[in-house]
N, C-alpha and C. Protein backbone atom coordinates (compact mmCIF):
# COMPACT_ATOMS: atom_id res chain seq x y z
N UNK A 1 0.84 -1.17 0.00
CA UNK A 1 0.00 0.00 0.00
C UNK A 1 0.89 1.23 0.00
N UNK A 2 0.47 2.33 0.56
CA UNK A 2 1.28 3.53 0.45
C UNK A 2 1.54 4.18 1.78
N UNK A 3 2.77 4.64 1.96
CA UNK A 3 3.14 5.33 3.19
C UNK A 3 3.51 6.76 2.85
N UNK A 4 2.83 7.70 3.50
CA UNK A 4 3.10 9.12 3.26
C UNK A 4 4.31 9.54 4.08
N UNK A 5 5.17 10.39 3.50
CA UNK A 5 6.31 10.91 4.24
C UNK A 5 7.32 9.86 4.60
N UNK A 6 7.75 9.07 3.61
CA UNK A 6 8.62 7.93 3.88
C UNK A 6 10.10 8.27 3.81
N UNK A 7 10.44 9.56 3.80
CA UNK A 7 11.83 9.96 3.64
C UNK A 7 12.75 9.41 4.69
N UNK A 8 12.25 9.10 5.88
CA UNK A 8 13.08 8.59 6.97
C UNK A 8 13.80 7.31 6.58
N UNK A 9 13.23 6.53 5.68
CA UNK A 9 13.91 5.30 5.27
C UNK A 9 14.26 5.26 3.79
N UNK A 10 13.50 5.96 2.94
CA UNK A 10 13.85 5.99 1.53
C UNK A 10 15.23 6.63 1.35
N UNK A 11 15.52 7.67 2.14
CA UNK A 11 16.77 8.39 2.02
C UNK A 11 17.99 7.60 2.44
N UNK A 12 17.78 6.42 3.01
CA UNK A 12 18.92 5.61 3.43
C UNK A 12 19.66 5.01 2.24
N UNK A 13 18.97 4.83 1.15
CA UNK A 13 19.57 4.19 -0.03
C UNK A 13 20.35 5.23 -0.82
N UNK A 14 21.56 4.89 -1.20
CA UNK A 14 22.42 5.78 -1.99
C UNK A 14 21.66 6.25 -3.23
N UNK A 15 21.67 7.55 -3.48
CA UNK A 15 20.93 8.11 -4.60
C UNK A 15 21.34 7.50 -5.93
N UNK A 16 22.61 7.05 -6.02
CA UNK A 16 23.09 6.45 -7.26
C UNK A 16 22.42 5.10 -7.53
N UNK A 17 21.84 4.51 -6.48
CA UNK A 17 21.17 3.22 -6.64
C UNK A 17 19.68 3.38 -6.98
N UNK A 18 19.18 4.60 -6.88
CA UNK A 18 17.77 4.85 -7.19
C UNK A 18 17.60 5.13 -8.67
N UNK A 19 16.41 4.76 -9.19
CA UNK A 19 16.09 5.06 -10.58
C UNK A 19 14.75 5.79 -10.64
N UNK A 20 14.56 6.56 -11.69
CA UNK A 20 13.27 7.21 -11.94
C UNK A 20 12.59 6.49 -13.09
N UNK A 21 11.29 6.34 -12.97
CA UNK A 21 10.52 5.69 -14.03
C UNK A 21 9.32 6.57 -14.36
N UNK A 22 9.12 6.82 -15.63
CA UNK A 22 8.00 7.62 -16.10
C UNK A 22 6.93 6.66 -16.64
N UNK A 23 5.69 6.87 -16.25
CA UNK A 23 4.59 5.99 -16.64
C UNK A 23 3.51 6.77 -17.36
N UNK A 24 3.09 6.26 -18.51
CA UNK A 24 1.96 6.84 -19.21
C UNK A 24 0.66 6.35 -18.56
N UNK A 25 -0.45 7.09 -18.71
CA UNK A 25 -1.73 6.62 -18.16
C UNK A 25 -2.06 5.22 -18.68
N UNK A 26 -2.38 4.31 -17.75
CA UNK A 26 -2.70 2.94 -18.13
C UNK A 26 -1.50 2.01 -18.22
N UNK A 27 -0.30 2.56 -18.10
CA UNK A 27 0.90 1.72 -18.18
C UNK A 27 1.15 1.01 -16.86
N UNK A 28 1.55 -0.26 -16.95
CA UNK A 28 1.81 -1.05 -15.75
C UNK A 28 3.27 -0.89 -15.31
N UNK A 29 3.45 -0.69 -14.02
CA UNK A 29 4.80 -0.65 -13.44
C UNK A 29 5.26 -2.08 -13.16
N UNK A 30 4.39 -2.90 -12.60
CA UNK A 30 4.64 -4.32 -12.43
C UNK A 30 3.31 -5.06 -12.43
N UNK A 31 3.37 -6.37 -12.62
CA UNK A 31 2.17 -7.19 -12.67
C UNK A 31 2.17 -8.20 -11.53
N UNK A 32 0.98 -8.60 -11.14
CA UNK A 32 0.81 -9.60 -10.09
C UNK A 32 1.56 -10.88 -10.48
N UNK A 33 2.36 -11.38 -9.55
CA UNK A 33 3.12 -12.59 -9.80
C UNK A 33 4.54 -12.34 -10.29
N UNK A 34 4.85 -11.11 -10.70
CA UNK A 34 6.21 -10.80 -11.15
C UNK A 34 7.16 -10.78 -9.96
N UNK A 35 8.42 -11.05 -10.20
CA UNK A 35 9.41 -11.07 -9.12
C UNK A 35 9.46 -9.72 -8.41
N UNK A 36 9.43 -9.74 -7.08
CA UNK A 36 9.44 -8.52 -6.28
C UNK A 36 10.88 -8.05 -6.12
N UNK A 37 11.23 -6.98 -6.82
CA UNK A 37 12.62 -6.53 -6.84
C UNK A 37 12.81 -5.12 -6.28
N UNK A 38 11.71 -4.40 -6.03
CA UNK A 38 11.85 -3.01 -5.60
C UNK A 38 10.61 -2.53 -4.87
N UNK A 39 10.79 -1.45 -4.14
CA UNK A 39 9.72 -0.66 -3.54
C UNK A 39 9.70 0.66 -4.30
N UNK A 40 8.57 1.37 -4.28
CA UNK A 40 8.45 2.55 -5.13
C UNK A 40 7.88 3.74 -4.36
N UNK A 41 8.22 4.94 -4.85
CA UNK A 41 7.65 6.17 -4.32
C UNK A 41 7.08 6.98 -5.49
N UNK A 42 5.87 7.50 -5.31
CA UNK A 42 5.26 8.34 -6.33
C UNK A 42 5.81 9.76 -6.18
N UNK A 43 6.44 10.25 -7.22
CA UNK A 43 6.95 11.62 -7.21
C UNK A 43 5.95 12.59 -7.80
N UNK A 44 5.14 12.11 -8.75
CA UNK A 44 4.01 12.87 -9.25
C UNK A 44 3.07 11.91 -9.94
N UNK A 45 1.78 12.26 -9.95
CA UNK A 45 0.79 11.40 -10.56
C UNK A 45 0.09 10.49 -9.57
N UNK A 46 -0.51 9.40 -10.08
CA UNK A 46 -1.25 8.45 -9.25
C UNK A 46 -1.03 7.05 -9.79
N UNK A 47 -0.84 6.09 -8.88
CA UNK A 47 -0.63 4.70 -9.26
C UNK A 47 -1.60 3.83 -8.49
N UNK A 48 -2.39 3.04 -9.22
CA UNK A 48 -3.39 2.18 -8.58
C UNK A 48 -2.86 0.77 -8.43
N UNK A 49 -3.14 0.17 -7.26
CA UNK A 49 -2.78 -1.22 -6.99
C UNK A 49 -4.05 -2.06 -7.07
N UNK A 50 -4.03 -3.08 -7.92
CA UNK A 50 -5.21 -3.91 -8.17
C UNK A 50 -4.83 -5.38 -8.04
N UNK A 51 -5.59 -6.11 -7.21
CA UNK A 51 -5.34 -7.54 -7.03
C UNK A 51 -6.39 -8.33 -7.80
N UNK A 52 -5.93 -9.32 -8.57
CA UNK A 52 -6.82 -10.18 -9.34
C UNK A 52 -7.10 -11.46 -8.55
N UNK A 53 -8.38 -11.82 -8.46
CA UNK A 53 -8.80 -12.97 -7.68
C UNK A 53 -9.00 -14.20 -8.56
N UNK A 54 -9.08 -15.37 -7.93
CA UNK A 54 -9.18 -16.63 -8.66
C UNK A 54 -10.47 -16.73 -9.46
N UNK A 55 -11.54 -16.06 -9.00
CA UNK A 55 -12.81 -16.14 -9.71
C UNK A 55 -12.88 -15.20 -10.92
N UNK A 56 -11.78 -14.51 -11.22
CA UNK A 56 -11.75 -13.62 -12.37
C UNK A 56 -12.04 -12.17 -12.04
N UNK A 57 -12.49 -11.90 -10.83
CA UNK A 57 -12.78 -10.52 -10.44
C UNK A 57 -11.49 -9.85 -9.95
N UNK A 58 -11.56 -8.57 -9.71
CA UNK A 58 -10.40 -7.83 -9.22
C UNK A 58 -10.83 -6.86 -8.14
N UNK A 59 -9.89 -6.49 -7.28
CA UNK A 59 -10.15 -5.59 -6.17
C UNK A 59 -9.11 -4.48 -6.19
N UNK A 60 -9.58 -3.22 -6.17
CA UNK A 60 -8.66 -2.09 -6.07
C UNK A 60 -8.21 -1.96 -4.62
N UNK A 61 -6.92 -2.13 -4.37
CA UNK A 61 -6.39 -2.11 -3.01
C UNK A 61 -6.05 -0.71 -2.53
N UNK A 62 -5.52 0.10 -3.43
CA UNK A 62 -5.03 1.40 -2.99
C UNK A 62 -4.68 2.24 -4.20
N UNK A 63 -4.74 3.56 -4.04
CA UNK A 63 -4.22 4.48 -5.05
C UNK A 63 -3.14 5.31 -4.38
N UNK A 64 -1.89 5.11 -4.82
CA UNK A 64 -0.75 5.85 -4.25
C UNK A 64 -0.61 7.18 -4.97
N UNK A 65 -0.40 8.24 -4.17
CA UNK A 65 -0.32 9.60 -4.72
C UNK A 65 1.02 10.24 -4.36
N UNK A 66 1.16 11.51 -4.71
CA UNK A 66 2.44 12.21 -4.53
C UNK A 66 3.01 12.02 -3.13
N UNK A 67 4.26 11.61 -3.06
CA UNK A 67 4.94 11.47 -1.78
C UNK A 67 4.72 10.14 -1.10
N UNK A 68 3.83 9.31 -1.61
CA UNK A 68 3.57 8.01 -0.99
C UNK A 68 4.46 6.93 -1.58
N UNK A 69 4.84 5.98 -0.75
CA UNK A 69 5.52 4.78 -1.23
C UNK A 69 4.49 3.67 -1.34
N UNK A 70 4.84 2.64 -2.09
CA UNK A 70 3.94 1.49 -2.20
C UNK A 70 4.76 0.24 -2.53
N UNK A 71 4.09 -0.90 -2.38
CA UNK A 71 4.72 -2.22 -2.60
C UNK A 71 5.75 -2.54 -1.53
N UNK A 72 5.55 -2.02 -0.31
CA UNK A 72 6.49 -2.33 0.77
C UNK A 72 6.52 -3.81 1.11
N UNK A 73 5.41 -4.51 0.85
CA UNK A 73 5.37 -5.96 1.12
C UNK A 73 6.41 -6.70 0.28
N UNK A 74 6.88 -6.08 -0.79
CA UNK A 74 7.90 -6.71 -1.63
C UNK A 74 9.19 -6.98 -0.86
N UNK A 75 9.39 -6.23 0.24
CA UNK A 75 10.61 -6.45 1.03
C UNK A 75 10.68 -7.85 1.61
N UNK A 76 9.52 -8.47 1.81
CA UNK A 76 9.49 -9.80 2.43
C UNK A 76 8.71 -10.80 1.57
N UNK A 77 8.68 -10.57 0.27
CA UNK A 77 7.96 -11.47 -0.62
C UNK A 77 8.80 -11.77 -1.85
N UNK A 78 8.55 -12.92 -2.45
CA UNK A 78 9.25 -13.28 -3.68
C UNK A 78 8.60 -12.66 -4.90
N UNK A 79 7.27 -12.41 -4.81
CA UNK A 79 6.54 -11.89 -5.97
C UNK A 79 5.56 -10.81 -5.52
N UNK A 80 5.22 -9.91 -6.44
CA UNK A 80 4.22 -8.89 -6.16
C UNK A 80 2.83 -9.55 -6.10
N UNK A 81 2.01 -9.10 -5.16
CA UNK A 81 0.70 -9.71 -4.98
C UNK A 81 -0.41 -8.95 -5.69
N UNK A 82 -0.05 -7.96 -6.52
CA UNK A 82 -1.06 -7.18 -7.23
C UNK A 82 -0.42 -6.54 -8.46
N UNK A 83 -1.28 -5.96 -9.31
CA UNK A 83 -0.80 -5.12 -10.41
C UNK A 83 -0.60 -3.71 -9.91
N UNK A 84 0.29 -2.98 -10.56
CA UNK A 84 0.50 -1.57 -10.29
C UNK A 84 0.39 -0.83 -11.62
N UNK A 85 -0.64 0.03 -11.75
CA UNK A 85 -0.93 0.67 -13.03
C UNK A 85 -1.12 2.17 -12.81
N UNK A 86 -0.51 2.97 -13.66
CA UNK A 86 -0.63 4.43 -13.56
C UNK A 86 -2.03 4.87 -13.94
N UNK A 87 -2.65 5.69 -13.09
CA UNK A 87 -3.95 6.27 -13.41
C UNK A 87 -3.81 7.54 -14.24
N UNK A 88 -2.67 8.18 -14.12
CA UNK A 88 -2.39 9.42 -14.84
C UNK A 88 -0.91 9.42 -15.19
N UNK A 89 -0.49 10.39 -15.98
CA UNK A 89 0.93 10.52 -16.25
C UNK A 89 1.68 10.62 -14.92
N UNK A 90 2.61 9.73 -14.69
CA UNK A 90 3.22 9.62 -13.36
C UNK A 90 4.73 9.42 -13.47
N UNK A 91 5.42 9.80 -12.40
CA UNK A 91 6.83 9.50 -12.25
C UNK A 91 7.03 8.86 -10.88
N UNK A 92 7.81 7.79 -10.84
CA UNK A 92 8.06 7.09 -9.58
C UNK A 92 9.56 6.90 -9.40
N UNK A 93 9.96 6.82 -8.14
CA UNK A 93 11.33 6.46 -7.80
C UNK A 93 11.37 4.97 -7.50
N UNK A 94 12.30 4.27 -8.12
CA UNK A 94 12.47 2.83 -7.93
C UNK A 94 13.55 2.61 -6.88
N UNK A 95 13.18 1.96 -5.78
CA UNK A 95 14.10 1.74 -4.66
C UNK A 95 14.43 0.25 -4.59
N UNK A 96 15.63 -0.16 -4.97
CA UNK A 96 15.96 -1.58 -5.00
C UNK A 96 15.74 -2.26 -3.65
N UNK A 97 15.10 -3.38 -3.70
CA UNK A 97 14.74 -4.13 -2.48
C UNK A 97 15.97 -4.51 -1.66
N UNK A 98 16.98 -5.06 -2.29
CA UNK A 98 18.16 -5.53 -1.55
C UNK A 98 18.87 -4.37 -0.86
N UNK A 99 18.99 -3.23 -1.55
CA UNK A 99 19.66 -2.07 -0.96
C UNK A 99 18.88 -1.54 0.25
N UNK A 100 17.57 -1.51 0.12
CA UNK A 100 16.76 -0.99 1.22
C UNK A 100 16.81 -1.91 2.43
N UNK A 101 16.76 -3.21 2.21
CA UNK A 101 16.84 -4.15 3.34
C UNK A 101 18.18 -4.01 4.06
N UNK A 102 19.26 -3.89 3.32
CA UNK A 102 20.58 -3.72 3.94
C UNK A 102 20.62 -2.44 4.77
N UNK A 103 20.05 -1.34 4.21
CA UNK A 103 20.07 -0.06 4.91
C UNK A 103 19.23 -0.11 6.18
N UNK A 104 18.09 -0.78 6.14
CA UNK A 104 17.22 -0.85 7.31
C UNK A 104 17.87 -1.64 8.44
N UNK A 105 18.65 -2.64 8.10
CA UNK A 105 19.32 -3.43 9.13
C UNK A 105 20.28 -2.57 9.95
N UNK A 106 20.84 -1.54 9.33
CA UNK A 106 21.80 -0.68 10.00
C UNK A 106 21.18 0.57 10.62
N UNK A 107 19.86 0.73 10.49
CA UNK A 107 19.21 1.93 11.00
C UNK A 107 17.88 1.57 11.65
N UNK A 108 17.90 1.22 12.94
CA UNK A 108 16.67 0.80 13.61
C UNK A 108 15.60 1.88 13.65
N UNK A 109 15.99 3.16 13.70
CA UNK A 109 14.98 4.22 13.74
C UNK A 109 14.20 4.28 12.43
N UNK A 110 14.89 4.12 11.32
CA UNK A 110 14.22 4.11 10.03
C UNK A 110 13.33 2.87 9.89
N UNK A 111 13.83 1.73 10.40
CA UNK A 111 13.02 0.52 10.36
C UNK A 111 11.75 0.69 11.18
N UNK A 112 11.87 1.40 12.30
CA UNK A 112 10.70 1.67 13.14
C UNK A 112 9.71 2.58 12.41
N UNK A 113 10.22 3.57 11.68
CA UNK A 113 9.35 4.46 10.90
C UNK A 113 8.58 3.67 9.85
N UNK A 114 9.25 2.72 9.22
CA UNK A 114 8.59 1.87 8.24
C UNK A 114 7.52 1.02 8.91
N UNK A 115 7.85 0.45 10.08
CA UNK A 115 6.88 -0.38 10.80
C UNK A 115 5.64 0.43 11.19
N UNK A 116 5.84 1.67 11.62
CA UNK A 116 4.71 2.52 11.97
C UNK A 116 3.82 2.78 10.77
N UNK A 117 4.46 3.02 9.63
CA UNK A 117 3.68 3.25 8.42
C UNK A 117 2.88 2.03 8.02
N UNK A 118 3.48 0.86 8.13
CA UNK A 118 2.77 -0.38 7.80
C UNK A 118 1.62 -0.63 8.77
N UNK A 119 1.82 -0.30 10.04
CA UNK A 119 0.74 -0.46 11.02
C UNK A 119 -0.45 0.44 10.68
N UNK A 120 -0.14 1.66 10.23
CA UNK A 120 -1.22 2.57 9.81
C UNK A 120 -1.99 1.98 8.64
N UNK A 121 -1.28 1.27 7.77
CA UNK A 121 -1.95 0.65 6.65
C UNK A 121 -2.87 -0.48 7.08
N UNK A 122 -2.47 -1.22 8.08
CA UNK A 122 -3.33 -2.28 8.60
C UNK A 122 -4.64 -1.68 9.10
N UNK A 123 -4.54 -0.56 9.81
CA UNK A 123 -5.76 0.11 10.29
C UNK A 123 -6.62 0.57 9.12
N UNK A 124 -5.97 1.10 8.07
CA UNK A 124 -6.71 1.57 6.91
C UNK A 124 -7.41 0.41 6.21
N UNK A 125 -6.72 -0.72 6.09
CA UNK A 125 -7.32 -1.88 5.44
C UNK A 125 -8.51 -2.41 6.22
N UNK A 126 -8.40 -2.41 7.54
CA UNK A 126 -9.53 -2.86 8.36
C UNK A 126 -10.74 -1.98 8.13
N UNK A 127 -10.50 -0.67 8.07
CA UNK A 127 -11.62 0.26 7.82
C UNK A 127 -12.23 -0.01 6.45
N UNK A 128 -11.40 -0.27 5.44
CA UNK A 128 -11.92 -0.55 4.10
C UNK A 128 -12.71 -1.84 4.07
N UNK A 129 -12.25 -2.84 4.82
CA UNK A 129 -12.99 -4.10 4.88
C UNK A 129 -14.36 -3.91 5.52
N UNK A 130 -14.42 -3.07 6.53
CA UNK A 130 -15.71 -2.78 7.15
C UNK A 130 -16.65 -2.10 6.16
N UNK A 131 -16.10 -1.24 5.31
CA UNK A 131 -16.92 -0.57 4.31
C UNK A 131 -17.54 -1.57 3.34
N UNK A 132 -16.82 -2.64 3.03
CA UNK A 132 -17.32 -3.62 2.05
C UNK A 132 -18.59 -4.31 2.53
N UNK A 133 -18.86 -4.28 3.83
CA UNK A 133 -20.07 -4.90 4.37
C UNK A 133 -21.29 -4.00 4.31
N UNK A 134 -21.09 -2.74 3.92
CA UNK A 134 -22.20 -1.79 3.83
C UNK A 134 -22.85 -1.91 2.46
N UNK A 135 -24.13 -2.24 2.42
CA UNK A 135 -24.82 -2.47 1.15
C UNK A 135 -25.48 -1.21 0.60
N UNK A 136 -25.89 -0.30 1.45
CA UNK A 136 -26.56 0.91 1.01
C UNK A 136 -25.53 1.89 0.44
N UNK A 137 -25.73 2.33 -0.80
CA UNK A 137 -24.77 3.25 -1.43
C UNK A 137 -24.63 4.55 -0.65
N UNK A 138 -25.73 5.23 -0.23
CA UNK A 138 -25.56 6.46 0.55
C UNK A 138 -24.77 6.24 1.84
N UNK A 139 -25.06 5.13 2.55
CA UNK A 139 -24.34 4.86 3.79
C UNK A 139 -22.87 4.57 3.50
N UNK A 140 -22.61 3.88 2.38
CA UNK A 140 -21.23 3.57 2.00
C UNK A 140 -20.46 4.86 1.73
N UNK A 141 -21.07 5.73 0.93
CA UNK A 141 -20.41 6.99 0.59
C UNK A 141 -20.17 7.83 1.83
N UNK A 142 -21.16 7.87 2.73
CA UNK A 142 -21.02 8.66 3.94
C UNK A 142 -19.88 8.11 4.81
N UNK A 143 -19.80 6.78 4.93
CA UNK A 143 -18.72 6.18 5.72
C UNK A 143 -17.37 6.44 5.06
N UNK A 144 -17.31 6.35 3.74
CA UNK A 144 -16.06 6.61 3.01
C UNK A 144 -15.62 8.06 3.20
N UNK A 145 -16.57 8.99 3.12
CA UNK A 145 -16.24 10.40 3.31
C UNK A 145 -15.71 10.66 4.71
N UNK A 146 -16.27 9.98 5.70
CA UNK A 146 -15.79 10.16 7.07
C UNK A 146 -14.34 9.74 7.21
N UNK A 147 -13.93 8.70 6.45
CA UNK A 147 -12.53 8.27 6.49
C UNK A 147 -11.60 9.30 5.85
N UNK A 148 -12.12 10.02 4.86
CA UNK A 148 -11.29 11.00 4.15
C UNK A 148 -11.27 12.37 4.82
N UNK A 149 -12.30 12.65 5.62
CA UNK A 149 -12.50 14.01 6.12
C UNK A 149 -11.62 14.34 7.32
N UNK A 150 -11.37 15.64 7.48
CA UNK A 150 -10.66 16.16 8.64
C UNK A 150 -11.16 17.56 8.92
N UNK A 151 -10.85 18.06 10.13
CA UNK A 151 -11.22 19.42 10.48
C UNK A 151 -12.58 19.49 11.17
N UNK A 152 -13.00 20.71 11.46
CA UNK A 152 -14.27 20.96 12.11
C UNK A 152 -14.95 22.16 11.43
N UNK A 153 -16.02 21.93 10.68
CA UNK A 153 -16.68 20.63 10.45
C UNK A 153 -15.84 19.72 9.56
N UNK A 154 -16.07 18.40 9.67
CA UNK A 154 -15.28 17.47 8.85
C UNK A 154 -15.45 17.77 7.36
N UNK A 155 -14.33 17.89 6.67
CA UNK A 155 -14.35 18.24 5.25
C UNK A 155 -13.42 17.31 4.47
N UNK A 156 -13.93 16.80 3.37
CA UNK A 156 -13.13 15.94 2.49
C UNK A 156 -12.85 16.70 1.20
N UNK A 157 -11.59 16.76 0.82
CA UNK A 157 -11.18 17.41 -0.43
C UNK A 157 -10.78 16.33 -1.42
N UNK A 158 -11.51 16.23 -2.50
CA UNK A 158 -11.29 15.17 -3.47
C UNK A 158 -10.19 15.54 -4.44
N UNK A 159 -9.30 14.59 -4.69
CA UNK A 159 -8.19 14.85 -5.61
C UNK A 159 -8.37 14.16 -6.95
N UNK A 160 -9.54 13.57 -7.16
CA UNK A 160 -9.84 12.91 -8.42
C UNK A 160 -11.35 12.88 -8.61
N UNK A 161 -11.83 12.72 -9.84
CA UNK A 161 -13.28 12.75 -10.07
C UNK A 161 -13.98 11.52 -9.50
N UNK A 162 -15.29 11.68 -9.29
CA UNK A 162 -16.09 10.59 -8.73
C UNK A 162 -16.12 9.37 -9.65
N UNK A 163 -15.94 9.56 -10.95
CA UNK A 163 -15.91 8.41 -11.85
C UNK A 163 -14.75 7.47 -11.51
N UNK A 164 -13.60 8.04 -11.13
CA UNK A 164 -12.46 7.22 -10.73
C UNK A 164 -12.68 6.58 -9.38
N UNK A 165 -13.30 7.33 -8.46
CA UNK A 165 -13.60 6.77 -7.14
C UNK A 165 -14.59 5.62 -7.28
N UNK A 166 -15.57 5.78 -8.19
CA UNK A 166 -16.57 4.74 -8.41
C UNK A 166 -15.90 3.43 -8.83
N UNK A 167 -14.95 3.53 -9.77
CA UNK A 167 -14.24 2.33 -10.22
C UNK A 167 -13.42 1.72 -9.10
N UNK A 168 -12.86 2.57 -8.25
CA UNK A 168 -12.02 2.10 -7.14
C UNK A 168 -12.82 1.32 -6.11
N UNK A 169 -14.04 1.76 -5.85
CA UNK A 169 -14.82 1.14 -4.77
C UNK A 169 -15.87 0.17 -5.27
N UNK A 170 -15.98 0.00 -6.59
CA UNK A 170 -16.88 -1.00 -7.12
C UNK A 170 -18.32 -0.58 -7.28
N UNK A 171 -18.59 0.71 -7.36
CA UNK A 171 -19.93 1.21 -7.62
C UNK A 171 -19.96 1.87 -9.00
N UNK A 172 -21.11 1.87 -9.64
CA UNK A 172 -21.23 2.61 -10.89
C UNK A 172 -21.25 4.10 -10.56
N UNK A 173 -20.83 4.93 -11.53
CA UNK A 173 -20.85 6.36 -11.24
C UNK A 173 -22.27 6.87 -11.10
N UNK A 174 -23.24 6.20 -11.78
CA UNK A 174 -24.64 6.59 -11.60
C UNK A 174 -25.09 6.37 -10.16
N UNK A 175 -24.68 5.22 -9.57
CA UNK A 175 -25.06 4.92 -8.19
C UNK A 175 -24.43 5.93 -7.23
N UNK A 176 -23.19 6.33 -7.49
CA UNK A 176 -22.53 7.31 -6.64
C UNK A 176 -23.24 8.66 -6.71
N UNK A 177 -23.59 9.11 -7.91
CA UNK A 177 -24.24 10.41 -8.05
C UNK A 177 -25.62 10.41 -7.40
N UNK A 178 -26.34 9.29 -7.51
CA UNK A 178 -27.64 9.20 -6.83
C UNK A 178 -27.45 9.26 -5.32
N UNK A 179 -26.42 8.56 -4.82
CA UNK A 179 -26.16 8.55 -3.38
C UNK A 179 -25.78 9.94 -2.90
N UNK A 180 -24.94 10.63 -3.66
CA UNK A 180 -24.54 11.99 -3.28
C UNK A 180 -25.75 12.92 -3.26
N UNK A 181 -26.63 12.79 -4.24
CA UNK A 181 -27.84 13.63 -4.28
C UNK A 181 -28.72 13.35 -3.07
N UNK A 182 -28.84 12.07 -2.70
CA UNK A 182 -29.64 11.71 -1.52
C UNK A 182 -29.03 12.30 -0.26
N UNK A 183 -27.73 12.19 -0.11
CA UNK A 183 -27.06 12.72 1.09
C UNK A 183 -27.18 14.23 1.16
N UNK A 184 -27.10 14.89 0.02
CA UNK A 184 -27.21 16.35 0.01
C UNK A 184 -28.65 16.78 0.29
N UNK A 185 -29.60 16.08 -0.29
CA UNK A 185 -31.02 16.42 -0.11
C UNK A 185 -31.47 16.23 1.35
N UNK A 186 -30.90 15.23 2.01
CA UNK A 186 -31.28 14.95 3.39
C UNK A 186 -30.42 15.70 4.40
N UNK A 187 -29.55 16.59 3.92
CA UNK A 187 -28.77 17.41 4.83
C UNK A 187 -27.57 16.74 5.47
N UNK A 188 -27.12 15.60 4.89
CA UNK A 188 -25.96 14.92 5.46
C UNK A 188 -24.65 15.54 5.00
N UNK A 189 -24.65 16.09 3.77
CA UNK A 189 -23.43 16.68 3.23
C UNK A 189 -23.76 18.00 2.52
N UNK A 190 -22.72 18.80 2.32
CA UNK A 190 -22.82 20.01 1.49
C UNK A 190 -21.67 19.93 0.49
N UNK A 191 -21.95 20.20 -0.79
CA UNK A 191 -20.95 20.04 -1.84
C UNK A 191 -20.62 21.36 -2.52
N UNK A 192 -19.33 21.49 -2.87
CA UNK A 192 -18.90 22.57 -3.74
C UNK A 192 -17.58 22.19 -4.39
N UNK A 193 -17.51 22.21 -5.66
CA UNK A 193 -16.33 21.95 -6.50
C UNK A 193 -15.18 21.21 -5.82
N UNK A 194 -15.34 19.90 -5.68
CA UNK A 194 -14.26 19.08 -5.15
C UNK A 194 -14.12 19.07 -3.64
N UNK A 195 -15.01 19.76 -2.95
CA UNK A 195 -14.97 19.80 -1.48
C UNK A 195 -16.33 19.38 -0.94
N UNK A 196 -16.33 18.43 -0.02
CA UNK A 196 -17.56 17.96 0.58
C UNK A 196 -17.47 18.10 2.09
N UNK A 197 -18.44 18.81 2.66
CA UNK A 197 -18.50 19.00 4.11
C UNK A 197 -19.56 18.09 4.69
N UNK A 198 -19.20 17.38 5.75
CA UNK A 198 -20.14 16.51 6.43
C UNK A 198 -20.91 17.34 7.45
N UNK A 199 -22.22 17.31 7.34
CA UNK A 199 -23.08 18.12 8.22
C UNK A 199 -23.52 17.31 9.43
N UNK A 200 -23.75 18.01 10.51
CA UNK A 200 -24.26 17.35 11.70
C UNK A 200 -25.67 16.88 11.44
N UNK A 201 -25.99 15.69 11.94
CA UNK A 201 -27.31 15.11 11.72
C UNK A 201 -27.69 14.33 12.96
N UNK A 202 -28.93 14.42 13.31
CA UNK A 202 -29.33 13.78 14.58
C UNK A 202 -29.19 12.26 14.55
N UNK A 203 -29.20 11.65 13.32
CA UNK A 203 -29.06 10.20 13.23
C UNK A 203 -27.62 9.79 12.95
N UNK A 204 -26.70 10.77 12.80
CA UNK A 204 -25.32 10.44 12.44
C UNK A 204 -24.57 9.87 13.63
């Protein structure tokens, strides 16, 4: 998944060992099952991680954005467990797995920073799993917005269109727009150009 502000451990690897990779929209950085040889950081753009299941379906695991690292599980795996595909024109830093493991062994503070980031991801995954049990689209959207929101009143600032979010969470964009209209009509949210404020509600 992705860790924000990973400089505490990414910077341990000699800059001469790092590579930059430019990705066109839709281009794959790696595929599920390929040998796990590196961890990555998004320098600009967005990279989606998608896992393919045995029944032929797929699950969007995460979208890594500017400053986030992803594929940290590669440090302890032989193969990548998902696809990594650019959602937009993107640039990533390629951090060789062997170099990073060697550096972490010599720097316990950086290793601890990595562990903290991974623990935060476990919490995020648990929250996402709980969302999958919600069948009502308005309730799903409201719960998702609560995870994204911060401040008082809670406000979520969207960095991508709802059509992309719909694909990420497995809803049609029509279902999302109907849910948003319902939430706005019932006073649960207020919307304005990429910003959604969660309103106080007696049933919330």
